[in-house]
Amino acid sequence: MTPNPEKPDAGMRTPDLGIPEMYRPWLRLGTCSWKDDSWRGIVYRPHVQYDQHDFLPDYAKHFNSVEIDQWFWSLFPAGVKLPDPETARIYAESVPDDFVFSVKAPNSITLTHYYSRQPKRYAGYANKPNPDFLSLDLLERFVESISPLRSKLGPIMFQFEYLNRKKMPSRKAFLDALHEFILRAPSDFTYAIETRNPKYLSKPFFDFLREHNLGFVFLEGYYMPHIGEVFCKFDTATPAASIIRLHGPDRRAMELFTRKVWDRIVIPRTQSIEAAVDILRSNRDKGCVTYVNANNHLEGCAPLTAERFLDALREREEGGAA
């Protein structure tokens, strides 16, 4: 058996990753997850046998950030499931000191109702109101459970589904509820908001984010407007952060096309990458840190999408483009 990858030494720092020097303080580049066997020869060593916690140290040699989405799925009729602090400790110890995690908050906090699809024995919960929607107690329990990550924790992202009028009467009602929640949330964390309702994107929405020191999550895909369109239409920068989640417009079609083998670019989406570069360059000028989280479903291979993003950034700087 090939030995497992070694963990980073204490005090070790990530390499510059080829990020232009002027952007290094302002860019956190990574993917939306990391345990992907398809990435052998790209991120992971081809002939190494990896245990579940061995991927992250090798991943951190290529990127300075990663998104943790595994703790999002937490709302179940049998009870709320929160992270195991031991898992958070292992993650923290697997990466260099300057590595940063962006984390999706549990959907038990952000869902107004239980999902319509439930196991047969829990059918009565379908579409039932979620009693923990915007629960401060649950948020406090969540941040406590991931406290081992604290020194390497970036934005905590609240992902809100498409809220129709049955779930939320209006954008104002949503912002009013969010105001009360953020006002009393633990203040020593960075929070960011992702909405999947295009109608919520507006000047009042972005003014609200700035007023409450919240970051904005750009979402490329899931019926949301193209990130370049959102960037051009609104002043999206906030002092907190911008997170660009490059997911792609058609998850199911991409899975059928790739057969879930994510080792090559199959559908280049240069427009999305160029828009992400535009957002980063503008944010840097405004003193706003940008997280770029690539997903396999955008082009077929998240690490190669991240590489294409860096190539586009370097080309833009070398070409002196405005």
C-alpha atoms as a PDB file:
ATOM      1  CA  MET A   1       0.000   0.000   0.000  1.00  0.00           C
ATOM      2  CA  THR A   2       1.339   3.436  -0.936  1.00  0.00           C
ATOM      3  CA  PRO A   3       1.806   5.703   2.106  1.00  0.00           C
ATOM      4  CA  ASN A   4      -0.843   8.333   2.651  1.00  0.00           C
ATOM      5  CA  PRO A   5      -0.008  11.975   1.790  1.00  0.00           C
ATOM      6  CA  GLU A   6       1.621  13.835   4.649  1.00  0.00           C
ATOM      7  CA  LYS A   7      -0.210  16.638   6.386  1.00  0.00           C
ATOM      8  CA  PRO A   8       1.190  20.170   6.103  1.00  0.00           C
ATOM      9  CA  ASP A   9       3.744  21.167   8.695  1.00  0.00           C
ATOM     10  CA  ALA A  10       2.718  23.777  11.256  1.00  0.00           C
ATOM     11  CA  GLY A  11       3.349  27.242   9.894  1.00  0.00           C
ATOM     12  CA  MET A  12       3.407  26.030   6.293  1.00  0.00           C
ATOM     13  CA  ARG A  13       1.900  28.425   3.758  1.00  0.00           C
ATOM     14  CA  THR A  14       0.290  27.788   0.402  1.00  0.00           C
ATOM     15  CA  PRO A  15       2.331  28.550  -2.719  1.00  0.00           C
ATOM     16  CA  ASP A  16       1.413  31.595  -4.806  1.00  0.00           C
ATOM     17  CA  LEU A  17      -0.500  29.303  -7.213  1.00  0.00           C
ATOM     18  CA  GLY A  18       0.459  31.497 -10.156  1.00  0.00           C
ATOM     19  CA  ILE A  19      -1.853  34.275  -8.966  1.00  0.00           C
ATOM     20  CA  PRO A  20      -0.532  37.664 -10.131  1.00  0.00           C
ATOM     21  CA  GLU A  21       1.108  39.347  -7.150  1.00  0.00           C
ATOM     22  CA  MET A  22      -1.250  42.324  -7.124  1.00  0.00           C
ATOM     23  CA  TYR A  23      -4.224  39.959  -6.649  1.00  0.00           C
ATOM     24  CA  ARG A  24      -2.820  37.608  -4.017  1.00  0.00           C
ATOM     25  CA  PRO A  25      -4.345  39.461  -1.041  1.00  0.00           C
ATOM     26  CA  TRP A  26      -7.681  39.734  -2.851  1.00  0.00           C
ATOM     27  CA  LEU A  27      -8.306  36.309  -4.393  1.00  0.00           C
ATOM     28  CA  ARG A  28      -9.251  33.026  -2.801  1.00  0.00           C
ATOM     29  CA  LEU A  29      -9.361  30.364  -5.487  1.00  0.00           C
ATOM     30  CA  GLY A  30     -10.699  26.851  -5.165  1.00  0.00           C
ATOM     31  CA  THR A  31     -13.491  24.437  -5.923  1.00  0.00           C
ATOM     32  CA  CYS A  32     -16.904  23.635  -4.458  1.00  0.00           C
ATOM     33  CA  SER A  33     -15.678  20.342  -2.959  1.00  0.00           C
ATOM     34  CA  TRP A  34     -12.470  18.323  -3.017  1.00  0.00           C
ATOM     35  CA  LYS A  35     -12.975  14.560  -2.614  1.00  0.00           C
ATOM     36  CA  ASP A  36     -13.072  13.667  -6.303  1.00  0.00           C
ATOM     37  CA  ASP A  37     -11.227  10.642  -7.607  1.00  0.00           C
ATOM     38  CA  SER A  38     -11.642  11.944 -11.180  1.00  0.00           C
ATOM     39  CA  TRP A  39      -8.992  14.556 -10.422  1.00  0.00           C
ATOM     40  CA  ARG A  40      -6.107  12.073 -10.292  1.00  0.00           C
ATOM     41  CA  GLY A  41      -3.272  13.388 -12.384  1.00  0.00           C
ATOM     42  CA  ILE A  42      -4.704  16.915 -12.093  1.00  0.00           C
ATOM     43  CA  VAL A  43      -4.826  17.502  -8.333  1.00  0.00           C
ATOM     44  CA  TYR A  44      -4.217  14.066  -6.842  1.00  0.00           C
ATOM     45  CA  ARG A  45      -1.379  11.631  -7.428  1.00  0.00           C
ATOM     46  CA  PRO A  46      -2.385   8.842  -9.819  1.00  0.00           C
ATOM     47  CA  HIS A  47      -1.142   5.818  -7.899  1.00  0.00           C
ATOM     48  CA  VAL A  48      -1.682   6.898  -4.288  1.00  0.00           C
ATOM     49  CA  GLN A  49      -4.406   5.166  -2.289  1.00  0.00           C
ATOM     50  CA  TYR A  50      -6.261   7.934  -0.480  1.00  0.00           C
ATOM     51  CA  ASP A  51      -8.355   7.570   2.645  1.00  0.00           C
ATOM     52  CA  GLN A  52     -11.247  10.029   2.994  1.00  0.00           C
ATOM     53  CA  HIS A  53      -9.184  12.593   4.911  1.00  0.00           C
ATOM     54  CA  ASP A  54      -6.066  12.293   2.741  1.00  0.00           C
ATOM     55  CA  PHE A  55      -7.365  14.316  -0.209  1.00  0.00           C
ATOM     56  CA  LEU A  56      -7.341  17.735   1.430  1.00  0.00           C
ATOM     57  CA  PRO A  57      -3.569  18.038   2.092  1.00  0.00           C
ATOM     58  CA  ASP A  58      -2.825  17.399  -1.594  1.00  0.00           C
ATOM     59  CA  TYR A  59      -5.653  19.688  -2.670  1.00  0.00           C
ATOM     60  CA  ALA A  60      -4.133  22.528  -0.616  1.00  0.00           C
ATOM     61  CA  LYS A  61      -0.949  22.332  -2.694  1.00  0.00           C
ATOM     62  CA  HIS A  62      -2.969  23.603  -5.672  1.00  0.00           C
ATOM     63  CA  PHE A  63      -5.501  26.026  -4.161  1.00  0.00           C
ATOM     64  CA  ASN A  64      -5.742  28.461  -1.260  1.00  0.00           C
ATOM     65  CA  SER A  65      -9.434  27.930  -0.511  1.00  0.00           C
ATOM     66  CA  VAL A  66     -12.273  25.443  -0.770  1.00  0.00           C
ATOM     67  CA  GLU A  67     -16.008  25.473  -0.228  1.00  0.00           C
ATOM     68  CA  ILE A  68     -17.526  23.084   2.287  1.00  0.00           C
ATOM     69  CA  ASP A  69     -21.065  22.257   1.247  1.00  0.00           C
ATOM     70  CA  GLN A  70     -21.462  18.901   3.023  1.00  0.00           C
ATOM     71  CA  TRP A  71     -22.930  20.530   6.147  1.00  0.00           C
ATOM     72  CA  PHE A  72     -25.706  22.230   4.187  1.00  0.00           C
ATOM     73  CA  TRP A  73     -27.875  19.103   4.121  1.00  0.00           C
ATOM     74  CA  SER A  74     -29.055  19.156   7.705  1.00  0.00           C
ATOM     75  CA  LEU A  75     -32.862  19.449   7.826  1.00  0.00           C
ATOM     76  CA  PHE A  76     -34.496  16.073   8.361  1.00  0.00           C
ATOM     77  CA  PRO A  77     -37.848  15.109   9.903  1.00  0.00           C
ATOM     78  CA  ALA A  78     -35.976  12.981  12.436  1.00  0.00           C
ATOM     79  CA  GLY A  79     -34.016  16.035  13.603  1.00  0.00           C
ATOM     80  CA  VAL A  80     -31.361  18.566  12.623  1.00  0.00           C
ATOM     81  CA  LYS A  81     -27.896  17.200  11.855  1.00  0.00           C
ATOM     82  CA  LEU A  82     -24.936  19.457  12.664  1.00  0.00           C
ATOM     83  CA  PRO A  83     -21.218  18.963  11.904  1.00  0.00           C
ATOM     84  CA  ASP A  84     -18.957  16.762  13.985  1.00  0.00           C
ATOM     85  CA  PRO A  85     -16.304  19.019  15.582  1.00  0.00           C
ATOM     86  CA  GLU A  86     -13.744  16.253  15.091  1.00  0.00           C
ATOM     87  CA  THR A  87     -14.245  16.451  11.323  1.00  0.00           C
ATOM     88  CA  ALA A  88     -13.764  20.217  11.460  1.00  0.00           C
ATOM     89  CA  ARG A  89     -10.547  19.694  13.444  1.00  0.00           C
ATOM     90  CA  ILE A  90      -9.200  17.238  10.867  1.00  0.00           C
ATOM     91  CA  TYR A  91      -9.964  19.668   8.052  1.00  0.00           C
ATOM     92  CA  ALA A  92      -8.216  22.521   9.863  1.00  0.00           C
ATOM     93  CA  GLU A  93      -5.107  20.445  10.509  1.00  0.00           C
ATOM     94  CA  SER A  94      -4.944  19.221   6.900  1.00  0.00           C
ATOM     95  CA  VAL A  95      -4.196  22.601   5.319  1.00  0.00           C
ATOM     96  CA  PRO A  96      -1.570  25.369   5.652  1.00  0.00           C
ATOM     97  CA  ASP A  97      -2.029  28.275   8.026  1.00  0.00           C
ATOM     98  CA  ASP A  98      -3.154  30.724   5.350  1.00  0.00           C
ATOM     99  CA  PHE A  99      -5.695  28.406   3.719  1.00  0.00           C
ATOM    100  CA  VAL A 100      -9.329  29.563   4.034  1.00  0.00           C
ATOM    101  CA  PHE A 101     -12.597  27.618   4.008  1.00  0.00           C
ATOM    102  CA  SER A 102     -15.873  29.106   2.826  1.00  0.00           C
ATOM    103  CA  VAL A 103     -18.751  27.203   4.388  1.00  0.00           C
ATOM    104  CA  LYS A 104     -22.407  26.799   3.502  1.00  0.00           C
ATOM    105  CA  ALA A 105     -24.609  27.190   6.557  1.00  0.00           C
ATOM    106  CA  PRO A 106     -27.080  24.364   7.260  1.00  0.00           C
ATOM    107  CA  ASN A 107     -30.281  24.420   5.249  1.00  0.00           C
ATOM    108  CA  SER A 108     -32.092  23.884   8.543  1.00  0.00           C
ATOM    109  CA  ILE A 109     -31.460  27.614   9.047  1.00  0.00           C
ATOM    110  CA  THR A 110     -32.281  28.836   5.537  1.00  0.00           C
ATOM    111  CA  LEU A 111     -35.269  26.724   4.447  1.00  0.00           C
ATOM    112  CA  THR A 112     -38.673  28.173   5.261  1.00  0.00           C
ATOM    113  CA  HIS A 113     -40.307  24.762   4.771  1.00  0.00           C
ATOM    114  CA  TYR A 114     -39.355  21.115   4.616  1.00  0.00           C
ATOM    115  CA  TYR A 115     -38.741  19.798   1.113  1.00  0.00           C
ATOM    116  CA  SER A 116     -41.767  18.430  -0.725  1.00  0.00           C
ATOM    117  CA  ARG A 117     -40.056  15.084  -1.285  1.00  0.00           C
ATOM    118  CA  GLN A 118     -39.826  13.078   1.926  1.00  0.00           C
ATOM    119  CA  PRO A 119     -39.473   9.354   2.700  1.00  0.00           C
ATOM    120  CA  LYS A 120     -42.841   7.627   2.874  1.00  0.00           C
ATOM    121  CA  ARG A 121     -42.818   7.378   6.664  1.00  0.00           C
ATOM    122  CA  TYR A 122     -42.220  11.135   6.895  1.00  0.00           C
ATOM    123  CA  ALA A 123     -44.707  12.153   4.193  1.00  0.00           C
ATOM    124  CA  GLY A 124     -46.538  14.369   6.671  1.00  0.00           C
ATOM    125  CA  TYR A 125     -43.527  16.702   6.793  1.00  0.00           C
ATOM    126  CA  ALA A 126     -43.692  17.572   3.089  1.00  0.00           C
ATOM    127  CA  ASN A 127     -43.964  21.359   2.694  1.00  0.00           C
ATOM    128  CA  LYS A 128     -44.464  21.752   6.446  1.00  0.00           C
ATOM    129  CA  PRO A 129     -43.024  25.012   7.892  1.00  0.00           C
ATOM    130  CA  ASN A 130     -39.500  24.665   9.241  1.00  0.00           C
ATOM    131  CA  PRO A 131     -39.524  25.749  12.920  1.00  0.00           C
ATOM    132  CA  ASP A 132     -35.781  26.529  12.768  1.00  0.00           C
ATOM    133  CA  PHE A 133     -35.921  29.007   9.871  1.00  0.00           C
ATOM    134  CA  LEU A 134     -33.449  31.801  10.754  1.00  0.00           C
ATOM    135  CA  SER A 135     -32.929  30.292  14.195  1.00  0.00           C
ATOM    136  CA  LEU A 136     -30.240  32.115  16.174  1.00  0.00           C
ATOM    137  CA  ASP A 137     -29.908  29.201  18.565  1.00  0.00           C
ATOM    138  CA  LEU A 138     -29.221  26.844  15.675  1.00  0.00           C
ATOM    139  CA  LEU A 139     -26.683  29.253  14.159  1.00  0.00           C
ATOM    140  CA  GLU A 140     -24.853  29.470  17.488  1.00  0.00           C
ATOM    141  CA  ARG A 141     -24.785  25.671  17.753  1.00  0.00           C
ATOM    142  CA  PHE A 142     -23.501  25.430  14.196  1.00  0.00           C
ATOM    143  CA  VAL A 143     -20.614  27.886  14.627  1.00  0.00           C
ATOM    144  CA  GLU A 144     -19.683  26.156  17.871  1.00  0.00           C
ATOM    145  CA  SER A 145     -19.574  22.790  16.100  1.00  0.00           C
ATOM    146  CA  ILE A 146     -17.126  24.119  13.490  1.00  0.00           C
ATOM    147  CA  SER A 147     -15.034  26.111  15.976  1.00  0.00           C
ATOM    148  CA  PRO A 148     -11.875  24.061  15.233  1.00  0.00           C
ATOM    149  CA  LEU A 149     -11.890  25.778  11.809  1.00  0.00           C
ATOM    150  CA  ARG A 150     -12.054  29.244  13.333  1.00  0.00           C
ATOM    151  CA  SER A 151      -8.580  30.532  12.378  1.00  0.00           C
ATOM    152  CA  LYS A 152      -9.097  29.347   8.787  1.00  0.00           C
ATOM    153  CA  LEU A 153     -12.757  30.222   8.380  1.00  0.00           C
ATOM    154  CA  GLY A 154     -13.858  32.624   5.651  1.00  0.00           C
ATOM    155  CA  PRO A 155     -17.462  33.520   4.820  1.00  0.00           C
ATOM    156  CA  ILE A 156     -20.378  31.508   6.114  1.00  0.00           C
ATOM    157  CA  MET A 157     -22.827  31.416   3.207  1.00  0.00           C
ATOM    158  CA  PHE A 158     -26.581  31.403   3.726  1.00  0.00           C
ATOM    159  CA  GLN A 159     -28.138  29.829   0.642  1.00  0.00           C
ATOM    160  CA  PHE A 160     -31.825  30.670   0.242  1.00  0.00           C
ATOM    161  CA  GLU A 161     -33.878  28.759  -2.287  1.00  0.00           C
ATOM    162  CA  TYR A 162     -36.299  30.381  -4.719  1.00  0.00           C
ATOM    163  CA  LEU A 163     -38.798  31.903  -2.308  1.00  0.00           C
ATOM    164  CA  ASN A 164     -42.201  32.160  -3.928  1.00  0.00           C
ATOM    165  CA  ARG A 165     -44.954  34.258  -2.354  1.00  0.00           C
ATOM    166  CA  LYS A 166     -46.340  31.270  -0.486  1.00  0.00           C
ATOM    167  CA  LYS A 167     -43.027  30.919   1.333  1.00  0.00           C
ATOM    168  CA  MET A 168     -42.109  34.605   1.566  1.00  0.00           C
ATOM    169  CA  PRO A 169     -44.606  37.421   0.803  1.00  0.00           C
ATOM    170  CA  SER A 170     -42.074  39.831  -0.675  1.00  0.00           C
ATOM    171  CA  ARG A 171     -38.450  40.889  -0.919  1.00  0.00           C
ATOM    172  CA  LYS A 172     -39.114  43.410   1.853  1.00  0.00           C
ATOM    173  CA  ALA A 173     -40.442  40.683   4.128  1.00  0.00           C
ATOM    174  CA  PHE A 174     -37.330  38.634   3.426  1.00  0.00           C
ATOM    175  CA  LEU A 175     -34.976  41.529   4.177  1.00  0.00           C
ATOM    176  CA  ASP A 176     -36.926  42.418   7.324  1.00  0.00           C
ATOM    177  CA  ALA A 177     -36.565  38.845   8.614  1.00  0.00           C
ATOM    178  CA  LEU A 178     -32.908  38.753   7.634  1.00  0.00           C
ATOM    179  CA  HIS A 179     -32.334  42.095   9.379  1.00  0.00           C
ATOM    180  CA  GLU A 180     -33.597  40.740  12.699  1.00  0.00           C
ATOM    181  CA  PHE A 181     -31.512  37.579  12.289  1.00  0.00           C
ATOM    182  CA  ILE A 182     -28.216  39.257  11.352  1.00  0.00           C
ATOM    183  CA  LEU A 183     -28.668  41.938  13.983  1.00  0.00           C
ATOM    184  CA  ARG A 184     -28.429  39.281  16.711  1.00  0.00           C
ATOM    185  CA  ALA A 185     -26.117  36.783  14.975  1.00  0.00           C
ATOM    186  CA  PRO A 186     -22.621  36.212  16.455  1.00  0.00           C
ATOM    187  CA  SER A 187     -20.723  39.273  15.283  1.00  0.00           C
ATOM    188  CA  ASP A 188     -17.227  37.831  14.907  1.00  0.00           C
ATOM    189  CA  PHE A 189     -17.950  35.956  11.665  1.00  0.00           C
ATOM    190  CA  THR A 190     -18.218  36.966   8.031  1.00  0.00           C
ATOM    191  CA  TYR A 191     -21.598  36.132   6.510  1.00  0.00           C
ATOM    192  CA  ALA A 192     -22.657  36.109   2.849  1.00  0.00           C
ATOM    193  CA  ILE A 193     -26.068  35.803   1.212  1.00  0.00           C
ATOM    194  CA  GLU A 194     -27.043  33.700  -1.791  1.00  0.00           C
ATOM    195  CA  THR A 195     -30.540  34.161  -3.173  1.00  0.00           C
ATOM    196  CA  ARG A 196     -32.032  32.013  -5.898  1.00  0.00           C
ATOM    197  CA  ASN A 197     -34.858  34.434  -6.603  1.00  0.00           C
ATOM    198  CA  PRO A 198     -33.739  36.778  -9.422  1.00  0.00           C
ATOM    199  CA  LYS A 199     -36.425  39.286  -8.406  1.00  0.00           C
ATOM    200  CA  TYR A 200     -34.639  39.887  -5.111  1.00  0.00           C
ATOM    201  CA  LEU A 201     -31.589  41.293  -6.923  1.00  0.00           C
ATOM    202  CA  SER A 202     -32.059  45.053  -6.747  1.00  0.00           C
ATOM    203  CA  LYS A 203     -30.452  48.221  -5.460  1.00  0.00           C
ATOM    204  CA  PRO A 204     -32.260  47.897  -2.088  1.00  0.00           C
ATOM    205  CA  PHE A 205     -30.953  44.321  -1.783  1.00  0.00           C
ATOM    206  CA  PHE A 206     -27.308  45.316  -2.330  1.00  0.00           C
ATOM    207  CA  ASP A 207     -27.694  48.403  -0.144  1.00  0.00           C
ATOM    208  CA  PHE A 208     -28.983  46.077   2.572  1.00  0.00           C
ATOM    209  CA  LEU A 209     -25.926  43.827   2.235  1.00  0.00           C
ATOM    210  CA  ARG A 210     -23.551  46.768   2.596  1.00  0.00           C
ATOM    211  CA  GLU A 211     -25.497  48.228   5.511  1.00  0.00           C
ATOM    212  CA  HIS A 212     -25.286  44.912   7.382  1.00  0.00           C
ATOM    213  CA  ASN A 213     -21.699  44.103   6.308  1.00  0.00           C
ATOM    214  CA  LEU A 214     -22.794  40.998   4.417  1.00  0.00           C
ATOM    215  CA  GLY A 215     -21.077  39.464   1.426  1.00  0.00           C
ATOM    216  CA  PHE A 216     -22.825  38.652  -1.836  1.00  0.00           C
ATOM    217  CA  VAL A 217     -22.789  35.222  -3.454  1.00  0.00           C
ATOM    218  CA  PHE A 218     -22.834  35.253  -7.255  1.00  0.00           C
ATOM    219  CA  LEU A 219     -24.391  32.060  -8.587  1.00  0.00           C
ATOM    220  CA  GLU A 220     -23.727  31.012 -12.172  1.00  0.00           C
ATOM    221  CA  GLY A 221     -26.583  28.633 -12.923  1.00  0.00           C
ATOM    222  CA  TYR A 222     -29.832  27.491 -11.292  1.00  0.00           C
ATOM    223  CA  TYR A 223     -31.954  29.884 -13.368  1.00  0.00           C
ATOM    224  CA  MET A 224     -30.166  32.921 -11.995  1.00  0.00           C
ATOM    225  CA  PRO A 225     -29.032  35.705 -14.352  1.00  0.00           C
ATOM    226  CA  HIS A 226     -25.533  35.389 -15.795  1.00  0.00           C
ATOM    227  CA  ILE A 227     -23.047  36.708 -13.226  1.00  0.00           C
ATOM    228  CA  GLY A 228     -21.735  39.243 -15.725  1.00  0.00           C
ATOM    229  CA  GLU A 229     -25.231  40.628 -16.150  1.00  0.00           C
ATOM    230  CA  VAL A 230     -25.678  41.002 -12.397  1.00  0.00           C
ATOM    231  CA  PHE A 231     -22.252  42.642 -12.063  1.00  0.00           C
ATOM    232  CA  CYS A 232     -22.966  45.157 -14.826  1.00  0.00           C
ATOM    233  CA  LYS A 233     -26.440  46.017 -13.557  1.00  0.00           C
ATOM    234  CA  PHE A 234     -25.725  46.521  -9.842  1.00  0.00           C
ATOM    235  CA  ASP A 235     -23.025  47.711  -7.492  1.00  0.00           C
ATOM    236  CA  THR A 236     -22.343  44.271  -6.009  1.00  0.00           C
ATOM    237  CA  ALA A 237     -19.166  44.896  -3.997  1.00  0.00           C
ATOM    238  CA  THR A 238     -19.389  44.860  -0.212  1.00  0.00           C
ATOM    239  CA  PRO A 239     -16.650  45.253   2.409  1.00  0.00           C
ATOM    240  CA  ALA A 240     -17.336  41.692   3.590  1.00  0.00           C
ATOM    241  CA  ALA A 241     -16.555  39.625   0.463  1.00  0.00           C
ATOM    242  CA  SER A 242     -17.824  38.438  -2.890  1.00  0.00           C
ATOM    243  CA  ILE A 243     -18.173  34.714  -3.552  1.00  0.00           C
ATOM    244  CA  ILE A 244     -18.483  33.549  -7.152  1.00  0.00           C
ATOM    245  CA  ARG A 245     -19.936  30.050  -7.368  1.00  0.00           C
ATOM    246  CA  LEU A 246     -19.380  28.780 -10.905  1.00  0.00           C
ATOM    247  CA  HIS A 247     -21.976  26.020 -11.055  1.00  0.00           C
ATOM    248  CA  GLY A 248     -23.250  25.958 -14.633  1.00  0.00           C
ATOM    249  CA  PRO A 249     -26.668  26.102 -16.284  1.00  0.00           C
ATOM    250  CA  ASP A 250     -27.577  22.402 -16.672  1.00  0.00           C
ATOM    251  CA  ARG A 251     -26.379  20.012 -13.979  1.00  0.00           C
ATOM    252  CA  ARG A 252     -28.238  16.937 -15.237  1.00  0.00           C
ATOM    253  CA  ALA A 253     -27.129  17.318 -18.844  1.00  0.00           C
ATOM    254  CA  MET A 254     -23.500  17.718 -17.783  1.00  0.00           C
ATOM    255  CA  GLU A 255     -23.690  14.561 -15.683  1.00  0.00           C
ATOM    256  CA  LEU A 256     -25.116  12.610 -18.602  1.00  0.00           C
ATOM    257  CA  PHE A 257     -22.463  14.000 -20.944  1.00  0.00           C
ATOM    258  CA  THR A 258     -19.517  13.266 -18.653  1.00  0.00           C
ATOM    259  CA  ARG A 259     -20.941  10.138 -17.009  1.00  0.00           C
ATOM    260  CA  LYS A 260     -19.731  11.807 -13.818  1.00  0.00           C
ATOM    261  CA  VAL A 261     -16.078  11.484 -14.755  1.00  0.00           C
ATOM    262  CA  TRP A 262     -14.770  14.984 -14.144  1.00  0.00           C
ATOM    263  CA  ASP A 263     -11.316  15.008 -15.704  1.00  0.00           C
ATOM    264  CA  ARG A 264     -11.568  17.304 -18.736  1.00  0.00           C
ATOM    265  CA  ILE A 265     -13.213  20.440 -20.076  1.00  0.00           C
ATOM    266  CA  VAL A 266     -16.157  19.298 -22.182  1.00  0.00           C
ATOM    267  CA  ILE A 267     -18.123  22.540 -22.652  1.00  0.00           C
ATOM    268  CA  PRO A 268     -15.962  25.670 -22.346  1.00  0.00           C
ATOM    269  CA  ARG A 269     -17.868  28.549 -20.776  1.00  0.00           C
ATOM    270  CA  THR A 270     -15.441  31.346 -21.445  1.00  0.00           C
ATOM    271  CA  GLN A 271     -18.057  34.042 -20.900  1.00  0.00           C
ATOM    272  CA  SER A 272     -18.519  32.910 -17.293  1.00  0.00           C
ATOM    273  CA  ILE A 273     -14.784  32.854 -16.655  1.00  0.00           C
ATOM    274  CA  GLU A 274     -14.263  36.293 -18.192  1.00  0.00           C
ATOM    275  CA  ALA A 275     -17.100  37.699 -16.083  1.00  0.00           C
ATOM    276  CA  ALA A 276     -15.488  36.276 -12.940  1.00  0.00           C
ATOM    277  CA  VAL A 277     -12.229  37.994 -13.917  1.00  0.00           C
ATOM    278  CA  ASP A 278     -14.105  41.295 -14.375  1.00  0.00           C
ATOM    279  CA  ILE A 279     -15.666  40.957 -10.925  1.00  0.00           C
ATOM    280  CA  LEU A 280     -12.327  40.178  -9.269  1.00  0.00           C
ATOM    281  CA  ARG A 281     -10.557  43.130 -10.902  1.00  0.00           C
ATOM    282  CA  SER A 282     -13.334  45.534  -9.919  1.00  0.00           C
ATOM    283  CA  ASN A 283     -13.495  44.160  -6.369  1.00  0.00           C
ATOM    284  CA  ARG A 284      -9.749  44.554  -5.934  1.00  0.00           C
ATOM    285  CA  ASP A 285     -10.018  48.244  -6.823  1.00  0.00           C
ATOM    286  CA  LYS A 286     -12.774  48.587  -4.199  1.00  0.00           C
ATOM    287  CA  GLY A 287     -10.923  46.653  -1.489  1.00  0.00           C
ATOM    288  CA  CYS A 288     -13.258  43.649  -1.618  1.00  0.00           C
ATOM    289  CA  VAL A 289     -11.920  40.083  -1.320  1.00  0.00           C
ATOM    290  CA  THR A 290     -13.234  37.652  -3.945  1.00  0.00           C
ATOM    291  CA  TYR A 291     -13.700  33.902  -3.538  1.00  0.00           C
ATOM    292  CA  VAL A 292     -13.929  31.953  -6.803  1.00  0.00           C
ATOM    293  CA  ASN A 293     -15.397  28.474  -6.243  1.00  0.00           C
ATOM    294  CA  ALA A 294     -15.441  26.345  -9.398  1.00  0.00           C
ATOM    295  CA  ASN A 295     -17.777  23.393  -9.839  1.00  0.00           C
ATOM    296  CA  ASN A 296     -17.412  20.355 -12.097  1.00  0.00           C
ATOM    297  CA  HIS A 297     -20.796  21.116 -13.622  1.00  0.00           C
ATOM    298  CA  LEU A 298     -19.704  24.384 -15.223  1.00  0.00           C
ATOM    299  CA  GLU A 299     -17.282  22.956 -17.809  1.00  0.00           C
ATOM    300  CA  GLY A 300     -16.623  19.354 -16.812  1.00  0.00           C
ATOM    301  CA  CYS A 301     -13.657  19.670 -14.448  1.00  0.00           C
ATOM    302  CA  ALA A 302     -13.549  22.172 -11.582  1.00  0.00           C
ATOM    303  CA  PRO A 303      -9.738  22.293 -11.145  1.00  0.00           C
ATOM    304  CA  LEU A 304      -9.248  22.924 -14.871  1.00  0.00           C
ATOM    305  CA  THR A 305     -11.913  25.649 -14.755  1.00  0.00           C
ATOM    306  CA  ALA A 306      -9.974  27.285 -11.922  1.00  0.00           C
ATOM    307  CA  GLU A 307      -6.822  27.010 -14.037  1.00  0.00           C
ATOM    308  CA  ARG A 308      -8.617  28.613 -16.987  1.00  0.00           C
ATOM    309  CA  PHE A 309      -9.726  31.429 -14.697  1.00  0.00           C
ATOM    310  CA  LEU A 310      -6.115  32.095 -13.678  1.00  0.00           C
ATOM    311  CA  ASP A 311      -4.985  31.980 -17.318  1.00  0.00           C
ATOM    312  CA  ALA A 312      -7.671  34.520 -18.230  1.00  0.00           C
ATOM    313  CA  LEU A 313      -6.649  36.780 -15.333  1.00  0.00           C
ATOM    314  CA  ARG A 314      -2.968  36.665 -16.300  1.00  0.00           C
ATOM    315  CA  GLU A 315      -3.748  37.302 -19.952  1.00  0.00           C
ATOM    316  CA  ARG A 316      -5.901  40.279 -19.025  1.00  0.00           C
ATOM    317  CA  GLU A 317      -3.125  41.780 -16.901  1.00  0.00           C
ATOM    318  CA  GLU A 318      -0.389  41.092 -19.426  1.00  0.00           C
ATOM    319  CA  GLY A 319      -2.513  42.540 -22.202  1.00  0.00           C
ATOM    320  CA  GLY A 320      -3.323  45.641 -20.172  1.00  0.00           C
ATOM    321  CA  ALA A 321      -7.024  45.260 -20.922  1.00  0.00           C
ATOM    322  CA  ALA A 322      -9.396  47.650 -19.164  1.00  0.00           C
END
